[in-house]
C-alpha atoms as a PDB file:
ATOM      1  CA  MET A   1      73.474   7.721  67.161  1.00  0.00           C
ATOM      2  CA  LYS A   2      72.407   4.403  68.618  1.00  0.00           C
ATOM      3  CA  ASN A   3      69.644   6.109  70.562  1.00  0.00           C
ATOM      4  CA  TRP A   4      68.280   7.612  67.335  1.00  0.00           C
ATOM      5  CA  LEU A   5      68.255   4.248  65.588  1.00  0.00           C
ATOM      6  CA  ILE A   6      66.393   2.686  68.515  1.00  0.00           C
ATOM      7  CA  LEU A   7      63.823   5.502  68.461  1.00  0.00           C
ATOM      8  CA  ILE A   8      63.178   5.173  64.776  1.00  0.00           C
ATOM      9  CA  GLY A   9      62.331   1.534  65.289  1.00  0.00           C
ATOM     10  CA  VAL A  10      59.335   2.339  67.455  1.00  0.00           C
ATOM     11  CA  VAL A  11      58.013   5.469  65.795  1.00  0.00           C
ATOM     12  CA  VAL A  12      54.775   5.033  63.808  1.00  0.00           C
ATOM     13  CA  ILE A  13      54.744   7.302  60.801  1.00  0.00           C
ATOM     14  CA  ALA A  14      51.211   8.377  59.787  1.00  0.00           C
ATOM     15  CA  LEU A  15      50.927   9.496  56.193  1.00  0.00           C
ATOM     16  CA  PRO A  16      48.082  11.908  55.328  1.00  0.00           C
ATOM     17  CA  ILE A  17      45.214  10.540  53.215  1.00  0.00           C
ATOM     18  CA  ILE A  18      45.060  12.528  50.016  1.00  0.00           C
ATOM     19  CA  THR A  19      41.651  12.986  48.371  1.00  0.00           C
ATOM     20  CA  LEU A  20      40.829  14.705  45.133  1.00  0.00           C
ATOM     21  CA  GLY A  21      38.786  17.873  45.345  1.00  0.00           C
ATOM     22  CA  GLU A  22      35.947  18.704  42.969  1.00  0.00           C
ATOM     23  CA  ASP A  23      38.365  20.518  40.654  1.00  0.00           C
ATOM     24  CA  GLN A  24      41.045  17.789  40.793  1.00  0.00           C
ATOM     25  CA  CYS A  25      41.246  14.668  38.668  1.00  0.00           C
ATOM     26  CA  LYS A  26      43.508  11.969  37.321  1.00  0.00           C
ATOM     27  CA  VAL A  27      45.263  12.574  34.042  1.00  0.00           C
ATOM     28  CA  GLY A  28      43.456  10.689  31.291  1.00  0.00           C
ATOM     29  CA  ASP A  29      40.009  10.892  32.890  1.00  0.00           C
ATOM     30  CA  SER A  30      37.118  12.618  31.182  1.00  0.00           C
ATOM     31  CA  ARG A  31      33.653  13.704  32.255  1.00  0.00           C
ATOM     32  CA  SER A  32      30.478  14.649  30.421  1.00  0.00           C
ATOM     33  CA  GLU A  33      27.103  16.235  31.110  1.00  0.00           C
ATOM     34  CA  GLU A  34      23.971  17.165  29.217  1.00  0.00           C
ATOM     35  CA  CYS A  35      23.765  20.525  27.538  1.00  0.00           C
ATOM     36  CA  GLY A  36      21.571  22.537  25.196  1.00  0.00           C
ATOM     37  CA  LYS A  37      18.847  20.607  23.410  1.00  0.00           C
ATOM     38  CA  CYS A  38      19.612  17.175  24.880  1.00  0.00           C
ATOM     39  CA  GLY A  39      23.201  17.303  23.674  1.00  0.00           C
ATOM     40  CA  THR A  40      26.438  16.352  25.453  1.00  0.00           C
ATOM     41  CA  LYS A  41      29.617  18.229  26.329  1.00  0.00           C
ATOM     42  CA  THR A  42      32.854  16.761  27.689  1.00  0.00           C
ATOM     43  CA  SER A  43      35.898  17.884  29.644  1.00  0.00           C
ATOM     44  CA  GLU A  44      39.372  16.256  29.831  1.00  0.00           C
ATOM     45  CA  CYS A  45      41.720  16.057  32.812  1.00  0.00           C
ATOM     46  CA  LEU A  46      44.850  18.197  32.237  1.00  0.00           C
ATOM     47  CA  ASP A  47      48.444  17.331  33.131  1.00  0.00           C
ATOM     48  CA  GLY A  48      48.205  19.422  36.295  1.00  0.00           C
ATOM     49  CA  GLY A  49      45.414  17.220  37.651  1.00  0.00           C
ATOM     50  CA  THR A  50      42.630  19.738  37.086  1.00  0.00           C
ATOM     51  CA  TRP A  51      39.668  19.654  34.741  1.00  0.00           C
ATOM     52  CA  GLY A  52      39.942  21.501  31.482  1.00  0.00           C
ATOM     53  CA  ALA A  53      37.286  23.717  29.952  1.00  0.00           C
ATOM     54  CA  TRP A  54      34.057  22.180  28.683  1.00  0.00           C
ATOM     55  CA  GLY A  55      34.005  21.393  24.989  1.00  0.00           C
ATOM     56  CA  GLU A  56      31.282  22.428  22.587  1.00  0.00           C
ATOM     57  CA  CYS A  57      27.791  20.966  22.967  1.00  0.00           C
ATOM     58  CA  SER A  58      27.348  18.170  20.430  1.00  0.00           C
ATOM     59  CA  ALA A  59      24.633  15.772  19.226  1.00  0.00           C
ATOM     60  CA  GLU A  60      21.855  18.242  20.027  1.00  0.00           C
ATOM     61  CA  ASN A  61      18.280  17.764  18.875  1.00  0.00           C
ATOM     62  CA  GLN A  62      18.218  20.586  16.352  1.00  0.00           C
ATOM     63  CA  GLU A  63      14.434  20.402  15.994  1.00  0.00           C
ATOM     64  CA  GLY A  64      13.888  20.207  19.754  1.00  0.00           C
ATOM     65  CA  CYS A  65      13.649  22.786  22.533  1.00  0.00           C
ATOM     66  CA  LEU A  66      15.510  23.667  25.696  1.00  0.00           C
ATOM     67  CA  PRO A  67      14.215  21.712  28.743  1.00  0.00           C
ATOM     68  CA  GLY A  68      12.084  23.922  30.954  1.00  0.00           C
ATOM     69  CA  ALA A  69      11.449  26.515  28.257  1.00  0.00           C
ATOM     70  CA  GLN A  70       7.861  27.752  27.984  1.00  0.00           C
ATOM     71  CA  GLU A  71       5.730  29.319  25.274  1.00  0.00           C
ATOM     72  CA  GLU A  72       2.363  31.047  25.543  1.00  0.00           C
ATOM     73  CA  LYS A  73      -0.429  31.858  23.132  1.00  0.00           C
ATOM     74  CA  THR A  74      -4.023  33.070  23.316  1.00  0.00           C
ATOM     75  CA  ARG A  75      -6.931  31.485  21.458  1.00  0.00           C
ATOM     76  CA  ASP A  76     -10.597  32.354  21.791  1.00  0.00           C
ATOM     77  CA  GLY A  77      -9.769  34.531  24.793  1.00  0.00           C
ATOM     78  CA  ILE A  78      -8.097  31.663  26.717  1.00  0.00           C
ATOM     79  CA  LYS A  79      -4.386  31.703  27.472  1.00  0.00           C
ATOM     80  CA  TYR A  80      -2.493  28.512  26.680  1.00  0.00           C
ATOM     81  CA  GLN A  81       0.994  27.462  27.729  1.00  0.00           C
ATOM     82  CA  ARG A  82       3.309  24.609  26.824  1.00  0.00           C
ATOM     83  CA  THR A  83       6.569  23.484  28.404  1.00  0.00           C
ATOM     84  CA  CYS A  84       9.620  21.777  26.946  1.00  0.00           C
ATOM     85  CA  SER A  85      10.123  18.337  28.495  1.00  0.00           C
ATOM     86  CA  THR A  86      13.375  16.814  29.721  1.00  0.00           C
ATOM     87  CA  GLU A  87      13.458  14.943  26.385  1.00  0.00           C
ATOM     88  CA  CYS A  88      13.652  18.324  24.589  1.00  0.00           C
ATOM     89  CA  GLU A  89      10.183  17.952  23.086  1.00  0.00           C
ATOM     90  CA  TRP A  90       7.274  20.359  23.417  1.00  0.00           C
ATOM     91  CA  GLU A  91       4.428  19.091  25.600  1.00  0.00           C
ATOM     92  CA  VAL A  92       0.782  19.719  24.726  1.00  0.00           C
ATOM     93  CA  TRP A  93      -0.718  23.200  24.932  1.00  0.00           C
ATOM     94  CA  LEU A  94      -2.564  23.524  28.249  1.00  0.00           C
ATOM     95  CA  PRO A  95      -5.160  26.200  29.066  1.00  0.00           C
ATOM     96  CA  GLN A  96      -4.228  28.378  32.024  1.00  0.00           C
ATOM     97  CA  ILE A  97      -7.515  28.057  33.918  1.00  0.00           C
ATOM     98  CA  LYS A  98      -8.613  26.728  37.278  1.00  0.00           C
ATOM     99  CA  GLU A  99     -11.904  24.900  36.845  1.00  0.00           C
ATOM    100  CA  TYR A 100     -11.609  22.311  39.582  1.00  0.00           C
ATOM    101  CA  LYS A 101     -12.930  23.788  42.841  1.00  0.00           C
ATOM    102  CA  TYR A 102     -13.109  20.908  45.340  1.00  0.00           C
ATOM    103  CA  LYS A 103     -11.584  22.200  48.626  1.00  0.00           C
ATOM    104  CA  ASN A 104      -9.402  24.752  46.760  1.00  0.00           C
ATOM    105  CA  PHE A 105      -7.683  22.086  44.706  1.00  0.00           C
ATOM    106  CA  ARG A 106      -6.911  23.157  41.166  1.00  0.00           C
ATOM    107  CA  TRP A 107      -5.874  21.412  38.009  1.00  0.00           C
ATOM    108  CA  MET A 108      -2.148  21.037  37.385  1.00  0.00           C
ATOM    109  CA  MET A 109      -1.183  21.647  41.009  1.00  0.00           C
ATOM    110  CA  THR A 110       1.675  19.482  42.299  1.00  0.00           C
ATOM    111  CA  GLU A 111       1.319  16.648  44.789  1.00  0.00           C
ATOM    112  CA  GLN A 112       3.198  18.728  47.356  1.00  0.00           C
ATOM    113  CA  GLU A 113       0.690  21.564  46.968  1.00  0.00           C
ATOM    114  CA  ALA A 114      -2.246  19.146  47.206  1.00  0.00           C
ATOM    115  CA  LEU A 115      -0.968  17.526  50.391  1.00  0.00           C
ATOM    116  CA  LYS A 116      -1.142  20.885  52.151  1.00  0.00           C
ATOM    117  CA  LEU A 117      -4.902  20.990  51.461  1.00  0.00           C
ATOM    118  CA  LEU A 118      -5.778  17.513  52.707  1.00  0.00           C
ATOM    119  CA  PRO A 119      -8.158  17.456  55.695  1.00  0.00           C
ATOM    120  CA  THR A 120      -6.096  14.631  57.186  1.00  0.00           C
ATOM    121  CA  LYS A 121      -2.518  13.410  57.359  1.00  0.00           C
ATOM    122  CA  ASP A 122      -3.721   9.822  57.038  1.00  0.00           C
ATOM    123  CA  TYR A 123      -3.357   9.117  53.320  1.00  0.00           C
ATOM    124  CA  LYS A 124      -1.808   6.485  51.065  1.00  0.00           C
ATOM    125  CA  ARG A 125       0.391   7.142  48.036  1.00  0.00           C
ATOM    126  CA  THR A 126       0.632   4.674  45.144  1.00  0.00           C
ATOM    127  CA  VAL A 127       3.133   5.072  42.307  1.00  0.00           C
ATOM    128  CA  VAL A 128       1.760   3.502  39.124  1.00  0.00           C
ATOM    129  CA  ASN A 129       4.783   4.244  36.929  1.00  0.00           C
ATOM    130  CA  LYS A 130       7.338   7.012  36.509  1.00  0.00           C
ATOM    131  CA  PHE A 131       4.658   9.263  35.021  1.00  0.00           C
ATOM    132  CA  LYS A 132       1.554   8.555  37.142  1.00  0.00           C
ATOM    133  CA  LYS A 133       0.746   8.267  40.819  1.00  0.00           C
ATOM    134  CA  PHE A 134      -2.249   8.826  43.087  1.00  0.00           C
ATOM    135  CA  ILE A 135      -3.058   9.482  46.722  1.00  0.00           C
ATOM    136  CA  VAL A 136      -6.129   8.225  48.609  1.00  0.00           C
ATOM    137  CA  TYR A 137      -7.663   9.580  51.807  1.00  0.00           C
ATOM    138  CA  ARG A 138     -11.009   9.795  53.621  1.00  0.00           C
ATOM    139  CA  ASP A 139     -13.216  12.879  53.791  1.00  0.00           C
ATOM    140  CA  ILE A 140     -16.856  13.947  54.210  1.00  0.00           C
ATOM    141  CA  ILE A 141     -18.896  15.680  51.531  1.00  0.00           C
ATOM    142  CA  ASP A 142     -22.595  16.525  51.666  1.00  0.00           C
ATOM    143  CA  HIS A 143     -22.721  14.754  55.050  1.00  0.00           C
ATOM    144  CA  GLU A 144     -21.515  11.507  53.462  1.00  0.00           C
ATOM    145  CA  PRO A 145     -18.208   9.729  54.267  1.00  0.00           C
ATOM    146  CA  ILE A 146     -16.128   9.217  51.127  1.00  0.00           C
ATOM    147  CA  TYR A 147     -12.777   8.111  49.782  1.00  0.00           C
ATOM    148  CA  VAL A 148     -10.987  10.689  47.653  1.00  0.00           C
ATOM    149  CA  LYS A 149      -8.473   9.615  45.022  1.00  0.00           C
ATOM    150  CA  LEU A 150      -6.281  12.292  43.411  1.00  0.00           C
ATOM    151  CA  TRP A 151      -4.294  11.340  40.315  1.00  0.00           C
ATOM    152  CA  PHE A 152      -1.130  13.117  39.141  1.00  0.00           C
ATOM    153  CA  TYR A 153       0.544  12.914  35.743  1.00  0.00           C
ATOM    154  CA  GLU A 154       4.142  14.162  35.739  1.00  0.00           C
ATOM    155  CA  ASN A 155       3.329  15.574  39.210  1.00  0.00           C
ATOM    156  CA  GLN A 156       0.320  17.596  37.972  1.00  0.00           C
ATOM    157  CA  LEU A 157      -3.220  16.981  39.233  1.00  0.00           C
ATOM    158  CA  PHE A 158      -5.418  15.818  36.344  1.00  0.00           C
ATOM    159  CA  TYR A 159      -8.041  13.466  37.803  1.00  0.00           C
ATOM    160  CA  ALA A 160     -10.065  13.305  41.018  1.00  0.00           C
ATOM    161  CA  GLU A 161     -12.536  10.662  42.124  1.00  0.00           C
ATOM    162  CA  LEU A 162     -14.915  10.774  45.087  1.00  0.00           C
ATOM    163  CA  ILE A 163     -16.130   7.306  46.131  1.00  0.00           C
ATOM    164  CA  PHE A 164     -19.038   6.983  48.564  1.00  0.00           C
ATOM    165  CA  PHE A 165     -18.547   3.910  50.727  1.00  0.00           C
ATOM    166  CA  ASP A 166     -21.300   4.014  53.390  1.00  0.00           C
ATOM    167  CA  VAL A 167     -24.453   4.155  51.306  1.00  0.00           C
ATOM    168  CA  GLN A 168     -25.759   0.579  51.437  1.00  0.00           C
ATOM    169  CA  ASP A 169     -29.284   1.552  52.522  1.00  0.00           C
ATOM    170  CA  THR A 170     -29.736   4.875  50.728  1.00  0.00           C
ATOM    171  CA  PHE A 171     -27.377   4.728  47.735  1.00  0.00           C
ATOM    172  CA  VAL A 172     -30.075   5.028  45.032  1.00  0.00           C
ATOM    173  CA  GLY A 173     -31.563   8.135  46.651  1.00  0.00           C
ATOM    174  CA  THR A 174     -28.047   9.523  47.228  1.00  0.00           C
ATOM    175  CA  TYR A 175     -27.204   9.036  43.559  1.00  0.00           C
ATOM    176  CA  TYR A 176     -30.237  10.942  42.300  1.00  0.00           C
ATOM    177  CA  ARG A 177     -29.699  13.680  44.879  1.00  0.00           C
ATOM    178  CA  LEU A 178     -26.089  14.158  43.765  1.00  0.00           C
ATOM    179  CA  GLU A 179     -27.065  14.006  40.102  1.00  0.00           C
ATOM    180  CA  SER A 180     -29.589  16.773  40.783  1.00  0.00           C
ATOM    181  CA  LEU A 181     -26.913  18.897  42.489  1.00  0.00           C
ATOM    182  CA  LEU A 182     -24.580  18.462  39.527  1.00  0.00           C
ATOM    183  CA  GLU A 183     -27.371  19.330  37.099  1.00  0.00           C
ATOM    184  CA  ASP A 184     -28.085  22.521  39.036  1.00  0.00           C
ATOM    185  CA  LYS A 185     -24.418  23.492  38.666  1.00  0.00           C
ATOM    186  CA  TYR A 186     -23.574  22.268  35.149  1.00  0.00           C
ATOM    187  CA  GLY A 187     -26.953  22.050  33.443  1.00  0.00           C
ATOM    188  CA  PRO A 188     -28.459  18.947  31.802  1.00  0.00           C
ATOM    189  CA  PRO A 189     -25.950  16.095  31.375  1.00  0.00           C
ATOM    190  CA  ASP A 190     -24.466  15.462  27.948  1.00  0.00           C
ATOM    191  CA  ASN A 191     -25.019  11.750  28.366  1.00  0.00           C
ATOM    192  CA  GLN A 192     -27.067   9.493  30.652  1.00  0.00           C
ATOM    193  CA  HIS A 193     -27.401   5.735  30.863  1.00  0.00           C
ATOM    194  CA  GLU A 194     -29.441   3.255  32.856  1.00  0.00           C
ATOM    195  CA  HIS A 195     -28.885  -0.444  32.348  1.00  0.00           C
ATOM    196  CA  ARG A 196     -31.409  -2.672  34.127  1.00  0.00           C
ATOM    197  CA  ASP A 197     -32.624  -6.241  34.152  1.00  0.00           C
ATOM    198  CA  ASP A 198     -35.761  -6.986  32.160  1.00  0.00           C
ATOM    199  CA  ASN A 199     -37.572  -8.228  35.272  1.00  0.00           C
ATOM    200  CA  PRO A 200     -40.151  -5.501  36.074  1.00  0.00           C
ATOM    201  CA  TYR A 201     -40.720  -6.853  39.585  1.00  0.00           C
ATOM    202  CA  THR A 202     -37.154  -6.326  40.831  1.00  0.00           C
ATOM    203  CA  GLU A 203     -36.381  -3.015  42.525  1.00  0.00           C
ATOM    204  CA  LEU A 204     -33.504  -0.928  41.219  1.00  0.00           C
ATOM    205  CA  LYS A 205     -31.790  -1.146  44.599  1.00  0.00           C
ATOM    206  CA  MET A 206     -31.644  -4.949  44.483  1.00  0.00           C
ATOM    207  CA  GLU A 207     -30.597  -5.000  40.817  1.00  0.00           C
ATOM    208  CA  VAL A 208     -27.664  -2.720  41.638  1.00  0.00           C
ATOM    209  CA  LEU A 209     -26.595  -4.831  44.620  1.00  0.00           C
ATOM    210  CA  ILE A 210     -26.489  -8.048  42.616  1.00  0.00           C
ATOM    211  CA  GLY A 211     -24.707  -6.383  39.695  1.00  0.00           C
ATOM    212  CA  GLU A 212     -27.547  -6.415  37.161  1.00  0.00           C
ATOM    213  CA  ALA A 213     -28.108  -2.678  36.994  1.00  0.00           C
ATOM    214  CA  SER A 214     -26.009   0.474  36.695  1.00  0.00           C
ATOM    215  CA  ILE A 215     -26.830   4.137  36.158  1.00  0.00           C
ATOM    216  CA  GLY A 216     -24.675   7.119  35.315  1.00  0.00           C
ATOM    217  CA  ALA A 217     -24.407  10.568  33.761  1.00  0.00           C
ATOM    218  CA  LYS A 218     -21.685  12.690  32.175  1.00  0.00           C
ATOM    219  CA  TRP A 219     -21.052  16.397  31.718  1.00  0.00           C
ATOM    220  CA  LYS A 220     -18.343  17.811  29.464  1.00  0.00           C
ATOM    221  CA  LYS A 221     -17.543  21.458  30.106  1.00  0.00           C
ATOM    222  CA  GLU A 222     -14.675  23.117  28.239  1.00  0.00           C
ATOM    223  CA  THR A 223     -11.621  21.266  29.571  1.00  0.00           C
ATOM    224  CA  THR A 224     -13.267  19.313  32.416  1.00  0.00           C
ATOM    225  CA  GLU A 225     -15.314  16.121  32.250  1.00  0.00           C
ATOM    226  CA  ILE A 226     -17.573  15.155  35.165  1.00  0.00           C
ATOM    227  CA  ASN A 227     -18.967  11.654  35.625  1.00  0.00           C
ATOM    228  CA  ILE A 228     -21.288  10.170  38.217  1.00  0.00           C
ATOM    229  CA  GLY A 229     -22.109   6.507  38.422  1.00  0.00           C
ATOM    230  CA  LEU A 230     -23.691   3.800  40.532  1.00  0.00           C
ATOM    231  CA  PHE A 231     -23.061   0.073  40.166  1.00  0.00           C
ATOM    232  CA  GLY A 232     -22.785  -2.988  42.391  1.00  0.00           C
ATOM    233  CA  LYS A 233     -21.406  -6.466  42.785  1.00  0.00           C
ATOM    234  CA  GLU A 234     -21.902  -9.224  45.356  1.00  0.00           C
ATOM    235  CA  TYR A 235     -24.326  -7.091  47.400  1.00  0.00           C
ATOM    236  CA  THR A 236     -21.962  -4.134  47.605  1.00  0.00           C
ATOM    237  CA  ALA A 237     -22.812  -0.830  45.912  1.00  0.00           C
ATOM    238  CA  THR A 238     -20.304   1.713  44.626  1.00  0.00           C
ATOM    239  CA  LEU A 239     -21.286   5.326  44.057  1.00  0.00           C
ATOM    240  CA  TYR A 240     -18.711   7.726  42.624  1.00  0.00           C
ATOM    241  CA  ILE A 241     -18.181  11.170  41.137  1.00  0.00           C
ATOM    242  CA  SER A 242     -15.105  11.796  39.005  1.00  0.00           C
ATOM    243  CA  TYR A 243     -13.562  14.946  37.555  1.00  0.00           C
ATOM    244  CA  SER A 244     -10.897  14.873  34.850  1.00  0.00           C
ATOM    245  CA  PHE A 245      -8.826  17.623  33.261  1.00  0.00           C
ATOM    246  CA  ILE A 246      -9.158  16.607  29.623  1.00  0.00           C
ATOM    247  CA  PRO A 247      -5.822  17.863  28.168  1.00  0.00           C
ATOM    248  CA  LEU A 248      -3.697  16.064  30.764  1.00  0.00           C
ATOM    249  CA  ASP A 249      -6.015  13.044  30.911  1.00  0.00           C
ATOM    250  CA  GLU A 250      -5.619  12.495  27.166  1.00  0.00           C
ATOM    251  CA  LYS A 251      -1.856  12.898  27.429  1.00  0.00           C
ATOM    252  CA  ALA A 252      -1.703  10.370  30.279  1.00  0.00           C
ATOM    253  CA  ASP A 253      -3.724   7.891  28.201  1.00  0.00           C
ATOM    254  CA  GLU A 254      -1.350   8.352  25.247  1.00  0.00           C
ATOM    255  CA  LYS A 255       1.645   7.687  27.498  1.00  0.00           C
ATOM    256  CA  ASP A 256      -0.020   4.544  28.892  1.00  0.00           C
ATOM    257  CA  GLN A 257      -0.650   3.273  25.365  1.00  0.00           C
ATOM    258  CA  GLU A 258       2.960   3.965  24.362  1.00  0.00           C
ATOM    259  CA  GLN A 259       4.204   2.046  27.384  1.00  0.00           C
ATOM    260  CA  THR A 260       1.856  -0.867  26.653  1.00  0.00           C
ATOM    261  CA  ARG A 261       3.042  -1.070  23.037  1.00  0.00           C
ATOM    262  CA  SER A 262       6.690  -1.010  24.137  1.00  0.00           C
ATOM    263  CA  GLU A 263       6.074  -3.959  26.471  1.00  0.00           C
ATOM    264  CA  LEU A 264       4.527  -6.133  23.753  1.00  0.00           C
END
């Protein structure tokens, strides 16, 4: 008996650590999750330490839609589709077409899909807000080195800009050559502008470099708008071509305006 008492004095008793499994809980706890049209359902912990059945979905948006749901329609021979957002509201109708053809990119593709088409792995991503972001990388088009900027709204490609950065000696000729190529493809531009200084003795090249002249043109074709422009500042010229997918571009602008108003 004495030996047993001595032994018990040196024995270390290790108690097992008890953790609750996914289906276990503490009596009195409750949990909730979203359901239906942005509603909420709850579940209570039962006496046995397990979760009870989910209750009915409540506080739903009766005039809303189920997140992820889609609808389609056809108008003037073009198929349109809209998707229900995570806020249970229908997004804008978007045409199911693929107008943008630069290096097999297409409108509404995701950033992940676009990254697979980049000619380089050296790119930079910038997140503007929770709705918009863009990536920038270098490429070559028509034998000219350029920066390419791809914009995404809710992870869908809606805007692309090609910026020519090594055209200091030939940028005026490059502009007119590119404008001619665009005119061959899209026809006469819908709008053109040329703002110059009144001095008739100053060449256009110099006026652009010092920021006193700019030229540009715009084409608007169905759901895509194409712009080309040339301007300068402090003896540096910027030549660009931009493509925008009008339905998403307008929606992105509306969201920006909403955010600006909410911050005022």
